[in-house]
Amino acid sequence: MTGSIEQQVLELLHQQGVEGERISQAFAARNGLHPTDMRALVLIMEAERRGIPATPRALRQDLVLTSGAVTAIVDRLEAKQHVRRSRESADRRQVRLRPTDSAQVVAGEYFGALAERGRAVLAGFDRAELDVIHRFLHGMRDAMRGFSSDDAARGEAGPTAAAAEPTGRGEPLPPSGR
């Protein structure tokens, strides 16, 4: 790898994204899922983990799909017993999507080994280094979230580029167990 350290870091981030996509596609294929169904399942599982309601509307917005396409995805995930619909409010029109226990087990079996590898890599860094990595990753996530196809068409960094500069600490890390 050649170029400045900044360029090398950006290239490594790109490679990590490519590898993440490869791993997700392999998981999807192994479990008979379309890649978009896989992304939907991940979003539903993430929402559940964070205690945020996963709804068809949220999926439609996150996946940038029509309501009909999201219904078809949820139908397929439900048929494979990875997701269940539940109506948890007085308004029966409101549907919450929940991952099933079997979906959690399948994902845990597949991605557990990857998480172990990640923990092994993190173990090689001290607390101060982890704080810097944490701040950097928050900045990169925010820069990517704020980037749009309109920004790309104009060749601009987008409105959040300045906000993503490492001036703040981002969200604090929990206390280290080391």
N, C-alpha and C. Protein backbone atom coordinates (compact mmCIF):
# COMPACT_ATOMS: atom_id res chain seq x y z
N MET A 1 0.86 -1.17 0.00
CA MET A 1 0.00 0.00 0.00
C MET A 1 0.90 1.23 0.00
N THR A 2 0.62 2.15 -0.89
CA THR A 2 1.42 3.36 -0.98
C THR A 2 0.54 4.57 -0.73
N GLY A 3 1.19 5.73 -0.59
CA GLY A 3 0.46 6.96 -0.35
C GLY A 3 0.57 7.38 1.09
N SER A 4 -0.07 8.48 1.40
CA SER A 4 -0.03 9.01 2.77
C SER A 4 -0.74 8.05 3.72
N ILE A 5 -0.48 8.22 4.99
CA ILE A 5 -1.14 7.37 6.00
C ILE A 5 -2.65 7.58 5.93
N GLU A 6 -3.09 8.81 5.66
CA GLU A 6 -4.53 9.07 5.55
C GLU A 6 -5.13 8.27 4.39
N GLN A 7 -4.43 8.26 3.26
CA GLN A 7 -4.91 7.50 2.11
C GLN A 7 -4.92 6.01 2.41
N GLN A 8 -3.91 5.53 3.10
CA GLN A 8 -3.85 4.11 3.46
C GLN A 8 -4.99 3.73 4.40
N VAL A 9 -5.31 4.61 5.35
CA VAL A 9 -6.42 4.35 6.27
C VAL A 9 -7.73 4.28 5.49
N LEU A 10 -7.94 5.23 4.59
CA LEU A 10 -9.17 5.22 3.79
C LEU A 10 -9.26 3.97 2.92
N GLU A 11 -8.14 3.54 2.37
CA GLU A 11 -8.12 2.31 1.56
C GLU A 11 -8.45 1.09 2.42
N LEU A 12 -7.90 1.03 3.62
CA LEU A 12 -8.20 -0.08 4.53
C LEU A 12 -9.68 -0.08 4.93
N LEU A 13 -10.25 1.10 5.15
CA LEU A 13 -11.69 1.17 5.45
C LEU A 13 -12.50 0.66 4.28
N HIS A 14 -12.10 1.02 3.08
CA HIS A 14 -12.79 0.53 1.88
C HIS A 14 -12.70 -1.00 1.83
N GLN A 15 -11.51 -1.53 2.06
CA GLN A 15 -11.33 -2.98 2.03
C GLN A 15 -12.16 -3.66 3.11
N GLN A 16 -12.27 -3.03 4.29
CA GLN A 16 -13.09 -3.60 5.35
C GLN A 16 -14.56 -3.64 4.92
N GLY A 17 -15.01 -2.59 4.26
CA GLY A 17 -16.39 -2.57 3.75
C GLY A 17 -16.63 -3.67 2.74
N VAL A 18 -15.68 -3.87 1.85
CA VAL A 18 -15.79 -4.93 0.84
C VAL A 18 -15.85 -6.30 1.53
N GLU A 19 -14.98 -6.52 2.49
CA GLU A 19 -14.97 -7.80 3.21
C GLU A 19 -16.27 -8.00 3.99
N GLY A 20 -16.77 -6.94 4.60
CA GLY A 20 -18.04 -7.05 5.32
C GLY A 20 -19.18 -7.43 4.40
N GLU A 21 -19.19 -6.84 3.21
CA GLU A 21 -20.22 -7.18 2.23
C GLU A 21 -20.09 -8.63 1.78
N ARG A 22 -18.86 -9.09 1.58
CA ARG A 22 -18.62 -10.48 1.19
C ARG A 22 -19.13 -11.44 2.26
N ILE A 23 -18.85 -11.13 3.51
CA ILE A 23 -19.30 -11.97 4.61
C ILE A 23 -20.83 -11.99 4.70
N SER A 24 -21.44 -10.83 4.55
CA SER A 24 -22.91 -10.75 4.59
C SER A 24 -23.55 -11.53 3.45
N GLN A 25 -22.97 -11.41 2.26
CA GLN A 25 -23.52 -12.15 1.12
C GLN A 25 -23.37 -13.65 1.31
N ALA A 26 -22.26 -14.08 1.90
CA ALA A 26 -22.06 -15.51 2.15
C ALA A 26 -23.09 -16.01 3.16
N PHE A 27 -23.35 -15.21 4.20
CA PHE A 27 -24.36 -15.57 5.19
C PHE A 27 -25.73 -15.67 4.53
N ALA A 28 -26.05 -14.67 3.70
CA ALA A 28 -27.35 -14.66 3.01
C ALA A 28 -27.49 -15.90 2.14
N ALA A 29 -26.47 -16.21 1.35
CA ALA A 29 -26.54 -17.37 0.46
C ALA A 29 -26.67 -18.66 1.25
N ARG A 30 -25.92 -18.77 2.34
CA ARG A 30 -25.96 -19.98 3.17
C ARG A 30 -27.35 -20.20 3.77
N ASN A 31 -28.06 -19.11 4.00
CA ASN A 31 -29.37 -19.20 4.63
C ASN A 31 -30.52 -18.96 3.67
N GLY A 32 -30.23 -19.01 2.36
CA GLY A 32 -31.27 -18.88 1.35
C GLY A 32 -31.95 -17.53 1.34
N LEU A 33 -31.19 -16.46 1.64
CA LEU A 33 -31.75 -15.12 1.67
C LEU A 33 -31.20 -14.28 0.52
N HIS A 34 -32.03 -13.42 0.00
CA HIS A 34 -31.58 -12.40 -0.95
C HIS A 34 -30.75 -11.39 -0.14
N PRO A 35 -29.72 -10.77 -0.72
CA PRO A 35 -28.93 -9.79 0.03
C PRO A 35 -29.75 -8.67 0.65
N THR A 36 -30.81 -8.22 -0.03
CA THR A 36 -31.66 -7.17 0.55
C THR A 36 -32.44 -7.70 1.74
N ASP A 37 -32.88 -8.96 1.67
CA ASP A 37 -33.56 -9.57 2.81
C ASP A 37 -32.59 -9.65 4.00
N MET A 38 -31.35 -9.96 3.70
CA MET A 38 -30.32 -10.04 4.74
C MET A 38 -30.15 -8.67 5.40
N ARG A 39 -30.06 -7.61 4.59
CA ARG A 39 -29.91 -6.26 5.16
C ARG A 39 -31.12 -5.91 6.03
N ALA A 40 -32.30 -6.30 5.58
CA ALA A 40 -33.50 -6.04 6.37
C ALA A 40 -33.44 -6.78 7.70
N LEU A 41 -33.04 -8.03 7.66
CA LEU A 41 -32.95 -8.82 8.89
C LEU A 41 -31.94 -8.21 9.85
N VAL A 42 -30.80 -7.77 9.33
CA VAL A 42 -29.80 -7.12 10.18
C VAL A 42 -30.38 -5.86 10.82
N LEU A 43 -31.08 -5.05 10.04
CA LEU A 43 -31.70 -3.84 10.59
C LEU A 43 -32.72 -4.17 11.68
N ILE A 44 -33.51 -5.21 11.47
CA ILE A 44 -34.51 -5.62 12.46
C ILE A 44 -33.82 -6.09 13.73
N MET A 45 -32.75 -6.88 13.57
CA MET A 45 -32.02 -7.38 14.74
C MET A 45 -31.31 -6.26 15.48
N GLU A 46 -30.75 -5.30 14.74
CA GLU A 46 -30.11 -4.14 15.37
C GLU A 46 -31.11 -3.33 16.16
N ALA A 47 -32.27 -3.09 15.58
CA ALA A 47 -33.31 -2.32 16.28
C ALA A 47 -33.71 -3.03 17.57
N GLU A 48 -33.87 -4.34 17.50
CA GLU A 48 -34.23 -5.12 18.69
C GLU A 48 -33.15 -4.99 19.76
N ARG A 49 -31.90 -5.10 19.35
CA ARG A 49 -30.78 -5.00 20.30
C ARG A 49 -30.75 -3.64 20.97
N ARG A 50 -31.10 -2.59 20.22
CA ARG A 50 -31.05 -1.24 20.75
C ARG A 50 -32.35 -0.81 21.43
N GLY A 51 -33.38 -1.68 21.41
CA GLY A 51 -34.64 -1.36 22.05
C GLY A 51 -35.48 -0.36 21.26
N ILE A 52 -35.25 -0.29 19.96
CA ILE A 52 -35.98 0.63 19.09
C ILE A 52 -36.96 -0.20 18.26
N PRO A 53 -38.21 0.24 18.16
CA PRO A 53 -39.16 -0.54 17.36
C PRO A 53 -38.74 -0.63 15.89
N ALA A 54 -38.69 -1.83 15.36
CA ALA A 54 -38.47 -2.05 13.93
C ALA A 54 -39.85 -2.13 13.29
N THR A 55 -40.08 -1.30 12.31
CA THR A 55 -41.37 -1.26 11.64
C THR A 55 -41.16 -1.34 10.13
N PRO A 56 -42.19 -1.73 9.40
CA PRO A 56 -42.08 -1.71 7.94
C PRO A 56 -41.71 -0.32 7.41
N ARG A 57 -42.26 0.71 8.03
CA ARG A 57 -41.95 2.07 7.59
C ARG A 57 -40.46 2.39 7.77
N ALA A 58 -39.90 2.01 8.92
CA ALA A 58 -38.47 2.26 9.16
C ALA A 58 -37.63 1.49 8.14
N LEU A 59 -38.02 0.24 7.85
CA LEU A 59 -37.29 -0.54 6.84
C LEU A 59 -37.37 0.14 5.48
N ARG A 60 -38.55 0.61 5.12
CA ARG A 60 -38.73 1.28 3.84
C ARG A 60 -37.78 2.47 3.73
N GLN A 61 -37.66 3.24 4.79
CA GLN A 61 -36.78 4.41 4.78
C GLN A 61 -35.31 3.99 4.75
N ASP A 62 -34.93 3.02 5.57
CA ASP A 62 -33.53 2.59 5.64
C ASP A 62 -33.06 1.91 4.36
N LEU A 63 -33.94 1.13 3.76
CA LEU A 63 -33.57 0.37 2.56
C LEU A 63 -33.89 1.13 1.27
N VAL A 64 -34.60 2.24 1.39
CA VAL A 64 -35.02 3.06 0.26
C VAL A 64 -35.77 2.19 -0.76
N LEU A 65 -36.85 1.59 -0.26
CA LEU A 65 -37.69 0.72 -1.08
C LEU A 65 -39.14 1.15 -0.97
N THR A 66 -39.97 0.64 -1.85
CA THR A 66 -41.40 0.90 -1.78
C THR A 66 -42.02 0.07 -0.66
N SER A 67 -43.22 0.45 -0.25
CA SER A 67 -43.89 -0.32 0.79
C SER A 67 -44.19 -1.73 0.32
N GLY A 68 -44.50 -1.89 -0.97
CA GLY A 68 -44.75 -3.23 -1.52
C GLY A 68 -43.52 -4.10 -1.47
N ALA A 69 -42.36 -3.53 -1.78
CA ALA A 69 -41.11 -4.30 -1.74
C ALA A 69 -40.78 -4.72 -0.30
N VAL A 70 -41.02 -3.83 0.65
CA VAL A 70 -40.76 -4.16 2.06
C VAL A 70 -41.72 -5.25 2.52
N THR A 71 -42.97 -5.17 2.12
CA THR A 71 -43.94 -6.22 2.48
C THR A 71 -43.46 -7.57 1.95
N ALA A 72 -42.97 -7.61 0.72
CA ALA A 72 -42.47 -8.87 0.14
C ALA A 72 -41.27 -9.39 0.94
N ILE A 73 -40.37 -8.50 1.34
CA ILE A 73 -39.20 -8.90 2.14
C ILE A 73 -39.65 -9.49 3.47
N VAL A 74 -40.54 -8.78 4.15
CA VAL A 74 -41.02 -9.26 5.46
C VAL A 74 -41.75 -10.58 5.30
N ASP A 75 -42.54 -10.73 4.24
CA ASP A 75 -43.22 -12.00 3.97
C ASP A 75 -42.20 -13.13 3.83
N ARG A 76 -41.12 -12.89 3.07
CA ARG A 76 -40.10 -13.94 2.88
C ARG A 76 -39.39 -14.25 4.19
N LEU A 77 -39.05 -13.23 4.96
CA LEU A 77 -38.38 -13.46 6.25
C LEU A 77 -39.29 -14.19 7.22
N GLU A 78 -40.57 -13.87 7.18
CA GLU A 78 -41.54 -14.55 8.03
C GLU A 78 -41.70 -16.01 7.60
N ALA A 79 -41.73 -16.26 6.31
CA ALA A 79 -41.86 -17.63 5.79
C ALA A 79 -40.66 -18.49 6.20
N LYS A 80 -39.49 -17.87 6.31
CA LYS A 80 -38.29 -18.60 6.73
C LYS A 80 -38.16 -18.64 8.26
N GLN A 81 -39.16 -18.08 8.94
CA GLN A 81 -39.23 -18.05 10.39
C GLN A 81 -38.06 -17.28 11.02
N HIS A 82 -37.63 -16.19 10.34
CA HIS A 82 -36.59 -15.32 10.88
C HIS A 82 -37.18 -14.09 11.56
N VAL A 83 -38.41 -13.74 11.19
CA VAL A 83 -39.06 -12.53 11.68
C VAL A 83 -40.51 -12.84 11.98
N ARG A 84 -41.04 -12.15 12.98
CA ARG A 84 -42.48 -12.24 13.23
C ARG A 84 -43.03 -10.83 13.34
N ARG A 85 -44.25 -10.68 12.87
CA ARG A 85 -44.95 -9.41 13.00
C ARG A 85 -45.71 -9.43 14.32
N SER A 86 -45.71 -8.28 15.00
CA SER A 86 -46.51 -8.20 16.22
C SER A 86 -47.20 -6.84 16.27
N ARG A 87 -48.38 -6.85 16.85
CA ARG A 87 -49.14 -5.62 17.03
C ARG A 87 -49.18 -5.37 18.53
N GLU A 88 -48.41 -4.37 18.96
CA GLU A 88 -48.22 -4.16 20.39
C GLU A 88 -48.86 -2.89 20.92
N SER A 89 -49.62 -2.21 20.08
CA SER A 89 -50.29 -1.00 20.55
C SER A 89 -51.79 -1.12 20.30
N ALA A 90 -52.51 -0.17 20.83
CA ALA A 90 -53.96 -0.16 20.63
C ALA A 90 -54.30 0.03 19.15
N ASP A 91 -53.41 0.70 18.43
CA ASP A 91 -53.62 0.91 17.00
C ASP A 91 -53.16 -0.34 16.26
N ARG A 92 -54.09 -1.17 15.83
CA ARG A 92 -53.77 -2.46 15.21
C ARG A 92 -53.08 -2.30 13.85
N ARG A 93 -53.11 -1.07 13.32
CA ARG A 93 -52.41 -0.84 12.04
C ARG A 93 -50.90 -0.78 12.23
N GLN A 94 -50.47 -0.50 13.47
CA GLN A 94 -49.04 -0.40 13.76
C GLN A 94 -48.46 -1.80 13.93
N VAL A 95 -47.48 -2.12 13.10
CA VAL A 95 -46.84 -3.44 13.14
C VAL A 95 -45.39 -3.26 13.56
N ARG A 96 -44.98 -4.08 14.50
CA ARG A 96 -43.58 -4.11 14.91
C ARG A 96 -42.98 -5.42 14.41
N LEU A 97 -41.78 -5.35 13.91
CA LEU A 97 -41.08 -6.53 13.40
C LEU A 97 -40.06 -6.98 14.43
N ARG A 98 -40.10 -8.25 14.74
CA ARG A 98 -39.19 -8.80 15.74
C ARG A 98 -38.45 -10.01 15.17
N PRO A 99 -37.16 -10.10 15.45
CA PRO A 99 -36.44 -11.30 15.02
C PRO A 99 -36.86 -12.48 15.89
N THR A 100 -36.89 -13.64 15.32
CA THR A 100 -37.23 -14.84 16.08
C THR A 100 -35.98 -15.34 16.81
N ASP A 101 -36.20 -16.22 17.77
CA ASP A 101 -35.07 -16.82 18.48
C ASP A 101 -34.17 -17.59 17.52
N SER A 102 -34.80 -18.27 16.55
CA SER A 102 -33.98 -19.05 15.61
C SER A 102 -33.11 -18.13 14.75
N ALA A 103 -33.60 -16.95 14.38
CA ALA A 103 -32.79 -16.00 13.62
C ALA A 103 -31.60 -15.54 14.45
N GLN A 104 -31.85 -15.32 15.74
CA GLN A 104 -30.77 -14.89 16.64
C GLN A 104 -29.70 -15.99 16.75
N VAL A 105 -30.14 -17.23 16.84
CA VAL A 105 -29.21 -18.36 16.96
C VAL A 105 -28.39 -18.51 15.69
N VAL A 106 -29.05 -18.49 14.54
CA VAL A 106 -28.36 -18.64 13.26
C VAL A 106 -27.32 -17.52 13.08
N ALA A 107 -27.72 -16.28 13.34
CA ALA A 107 -26.80 -15.15 13.20
C ALA A 107 -25.66 -15.26 14.21
N GLY A 108 -25.98 -15.66 15.42
CA GLY A 108 -24.95 -15.80 16.44
C GLY A 108 -23.92 -16.85 16.09
N GLU A 109 -24.39 -17.96 15.54
CA GLU A 109 -23.46 -19.02 15.13
C GLU A 109 -22.54 -18.54 14.02
N TYR A 110 -23.09 -17.81 13.08
CA TYR A 110 -22.30 -17.39 11.92
C TYR A 110 -21.37 -16.23 12.27
N PHE A 111 -21.94 -15.20 12.93
CA PHE A 111 -21.16 -14.00 13.19
C PHE A 111 -20.41 -14.03 14.51
N GLY A 112 -20.67 -15.03 15.35
CA GLY A 112 -19.95 -15.14 16.63
C GLY A 112 -18.45 -15.29 16.43
N ALA A 113 -18.05 -16.11 15.47
CA ALA A 113 -16.62 -16.30 15.20
C ALA A 113 -15.99 -15.00 14.71
N LEU A 114 -16.72 -14.23 13.92
CA LEU A 114 -16.21 -12.95 13.44
C LEU A 114 -16.05 -11.98 14.62
N ALA A 115 -17.03 -11.98 15.52
CA ALA A 115 -16.94 -11.11 16.70
C ALA A 115 -15.73 -11.49 17.56
N GLU A 116 -15.47 -12.78 17.68
CA GLU A 116 -14.29 -13.23 18.43
C GLU A 116 -13.01 -12.70 17.81
N ARG A 117 -12.93 -12.75 16.49
CA ARG A 117 -11.75 -12.21 15.80
C ARG A 117 -11.61 -10.71 16.06
N GLY A 118 -12.72 -10.01 16.05
CA GLY A 118 -12.69 -8.58 16.33
C GLY A 118 -12.21 -8.29 17.73
N ARG A 119 -12.70 -9.06 18.72
CA ARG A 119 -12.26 -8.87 20.10
C ARG A 119 -10.77 -9.16 20.24
N ALA A 120 -10.28 -10.15 19.50
CA ALA A 120 -8.85 -10.47 19.55
C ALA A 120 -8.02 -9.30 19.01
N VAL A 121 -8.49 -8.67 17.94
CA VAL A 121 -7.77 -7.51 17.40
C VAL A 121 -7.79 -6.37 18.41
N LEU A 122 -8.95 -6.09 18.99
CA LEU A 122 -9.08 -4.99 19.96
C LEU A 122 -8.20 -5.22 21.18
N ALA A 123 -7.98 -6.47 21.55
CA ALA A 123 -7.15 -6.77 22.73
C ALA A 123 -5.71 -6.28 22.55
N GLY A 124 -5.29 -6.02 21.32
CA GLY A 124 -3.94 -5.53 21.07
C GLY A 124 -3.78 -4.03 21.25
N PHE A 125 -4.84 -3.33 21.67
CA PHE A 125 -4.78 -1.88 21.84
C PHE A 125 -5.03 -1.52 23.29
N ASP A 126 -4.33 -0.46 23.76
CA ASP A 126 -4.59 0.00 25.13
C ASP A 126 -5.79 0.96 25.12
N ARG A 127 -6.21 1.39 26.29
CA ARG A 127 -7.41 2.22 26.44
C ARG A 127 -7.32 3.52 25.64
N ALA A 128 -6.16 4.18 25.68
CA ALA A 128 -6.01 5.45 24.96
C ALA A 128 -6.14 5.22 23.45
N GLU A 129 -5.57 4.15 22.95
CA GLU A 129 -5.68 3.83 21.52
C GLU A 129 -7.13 3.52 21.15
N LEU A 130 -7.81 2.78 22.01
CA LEU A 130 -9.22 2.46 21.76
C LEU A 130 -10.08 3.73 21.74
N ASP A 131 -9.76 4.69 22.61
CA ASP A 131 -10.49 5.96 22.61
C ASP A 131 -10.32 6.67 21.27
N VAL A 132 -9.11 6.67 20.72
CA VAL A 132 -8.86 7.32 19.43
C VAL A 132 -9.59 6.57 18.31
N ILE A 133 -9.51 5.25 18.32
CA ILE A 133 -10.20 4.44 17.31
C ILE A 133 -11.71 4.70 17.38
N HIS A 134 -12.22 4.74 18.59
CA HIS A 134 -13.65 4.98 18.81
C HIS A 134 -14.06 6.33 18.25
N ARG A 135 -13.30 7.35 18.55
CA ARG A 135 -13.60 8.70 18.05
C ARG A 135 -13.52 8.74 16.52
N PHE A 136 -12.51 8.09 15.96
CA PHE A 136 -12.35 8.05 14.51
C PHE A 136 -13.54 7.35 13.84
N LEU A 137 -13.92 6.19 14.37
CA LEU A 137 -15.02 5.44 13.76
C LEU A 137 -16.33 6.20 13.85
N HIS A 138 -16.56 6.90 14.96
CA HIS A 138 -17.77 7.74 15.06
C HIS A 138 -17.74 8.83 13.99
N GLY A 139 -16.60 9.48 13.81
CA GLY A 139 -16.49 10.52 12.80
C GLY A 139 -16.73 9.97 11.40
N MET A 140 -16.16 8.81 11.10
CA MET A 140 -16.36 8.20 9.78
C MET A 140 -17.81 7.79 9.58
N ARG A 141 -18.42 7.20 10.61
CA ARG A 141 -19.83 6.83 10.50
C ARG A 141 -20.69 8.05 10.21
N ASP A 142 -20.45 9.13 10.95
CA ASP A 142 -21.24 10.34 10.76
C ASP A 142 -21.01 10.95 9.38
N ALA A 143 -19.77 10.91 8.90
CA ALA A 143 -19.47 11.43 7.56
C ALA A 143 -20.22 10.61 6.51
N MET A 144 -20.26 9.30 6.68
CA MET A 144 -20.94 8.45 5.71
C MET A 144 -22.46 8.63 5.79
N ARG A 145 -22.99 8.76 7.00
CA ARG A 145 -24.44 8.96 7.13
C ARG A 145 -24.88 10.25 6.49
N GLY A 146 -24.04 11.28 6.55
CA GLY A 146 -24.41 12.57 6.01
C GLY A 146 -24.15 12.72 4.53
N PHE A 147 -23.55 11.72 3.91
CA PHE A 147 -23.21 11.79 2.49
C PHE A 147 -24.39 11.34 1.66
N SER A 148 -24.66 12.06 0.59
CA SER A 148 -25.79 11.71 -0.27
C SER A 148 -25.35 11.61 -1.72
N SER A 149 -26.21 11.04 -2.54
CA SER A 149 -25.90 10.96 -3.97
C SER A 149 -25.82 12.35 -4.57
N ASP A 150 -26.55 13.31 -4.00
CA ASP A 150 -26.45 14.69 -4.48
C ASP A 150 -25.06 15.26 -4.22
N ASP A 151 -24.49 14.95 -3.04
CA ASP A 151 -23.13 15.39 -2.73
C ASP A 151 -22.15 14.81 -3.74
N ALA A 152 -22.30 13.53 -4.05
CA ALA A 152 -21.41 12.86 -5.00
C ALA A 152 -21.52 13.49 -6.38
N ALA A 153 -22.74 13.79 -6.81
CA ALA A 153 -22.95 14.37 -8.13
C ALA A 153 -22.30 15.75 -8.23
N ARG A 154 -22.29 16.48 -7.12
CA ARG A 154 -21.68 17.81 -7.11
C ARG A 154 -20.18 17.74 -6.80
N GLY A 155 -19.70 16.56 -6.40
CA GLY A 155 -18.29 16.43 -6.03
C GLY A 155 -17.98 17.11 -4.71
N GLU A 156 -18.99 17.17 -3.83
CA GLU A 156 -18.83 17.84 -2.54
C GLU A 156 -18.76 16.82 -1.43
N ALA A 157 -18.15 17.24 -0.33
CA ALA A 157 -18.03 16.37 0.82
C ALA A 157 -19.35 16.24 1.57
N GLY A 158 -20.24 17.19 1.45
CA GLY A 158 -21.52 17.12 2.13
C GLY A 158 -21.55 17.95 3.38
N PRO A 159 -22.72 18.16 3.93
CA PRO A 159 -22.89 19.08 5.05
C PRO A 159 -22.26 18.61 6.35
N THR A 160 -22.03 17.32 6.51
CA THR A 160 -21.51 16.86 7.80
C THR A 160 -20.01 16.68 7.80
N ALA A 161 -19.33 17.03 6.72
CA ALA A 161 -17.88 16.81 6.67
C ALA A 161 -17.18 17.58 7.77
N ALA A 162 -17.54 18.82 7.99
CA ALA A 162 -16.88 19.59 9.04
C ALA A 162 -17.22 19.02 10.41
N ALA A 163 -18.46 18.58 10.59
CA ALA A 163 -18.86 18.02 11.87
C ALA A 163 -18.16 16.71 12.16
N ALA A 164 -17.71 16.02 11.12
CA ALA A 164 -17.08 14.72 11.31
C ALA A 164 -15.59 14.83 11.63
N GLU A 165 -15.04 16.06 11.55
CA GLU A 165 -13.63 16.21 11.86
C GLU A 165 -13.41 15.86 13.33
N PRO A 166 -12.25 15.30 13.66
CA PRO A 166 -12.01 14.82 15.03
C PRO A 166 -11.78 15.95 16.02
N THR A 167 -12.81 16.79 16.23
CA THR A 167 -12.70 17.86 17.20
C THR A 167 -13.36 17.48 18.51
N GLY A 168 -14.37 16.60 18.44
CA GLY A 168 -15.05 16.16 19.64
C GLY A 168 -14.67 14.73 19.97
N ARG A 169 -15.18 14.26 21.05
CA ARG A 169 -14.85 12.91 21.50
C ARG A 169 -15.85 11.87 21.04
N GLY A 170 -16.96 12.29 20.42
CA GLY A 170 -17.97 11.30 20.05
C GLY A 170 -18.65 10.75 21.28
N GLU A 171 -19.29 9.63 21.15
CA GLU A 171 -19.95 9.00 22.28
C GLU A 171 -18.89 8.35 23.15
N PRO A 172 -19.01 8.46 24.48
CA PRO A 172 -17.99 7.89 25.35
C PRO A 172 -18.01 6.37 25.33
N LEU A 173 -16.84 5.82 25.50
CA LEU A 173 -16.72 4.37 25.63
C LEU A 173 -17.14 3.94 27.02
N PRO A 174 -17.69 2.75 27.17
CA PRO A 174 -17.95 2.26 28.52
C PRO A 174 -16.63 1.97 29.20
N PRO A 175 -16.63 1.88 30.53
CA PRO A 175 -15.37 1.59 31.24
C PRO A 175 -14.74 0.31 30.73
N SER A 176 -13.42 0.34 30.63
CA SER A 176 -12.70 -0.81 30.12
C SER A 176 -12.69 -1.93 31.14
N GLY A 177 -12.83 -3.16 30.64
CA GLY A 177 -12.78 -4.33 31.52
C GLY A 177 -11.38 -4.86 31.68
N ARG A 178 -10.38 -4.10 31.18
CA ARG A 178 -9.01 -4.58 31.25
C ARG A 178 -8.31 -4.11 32.49
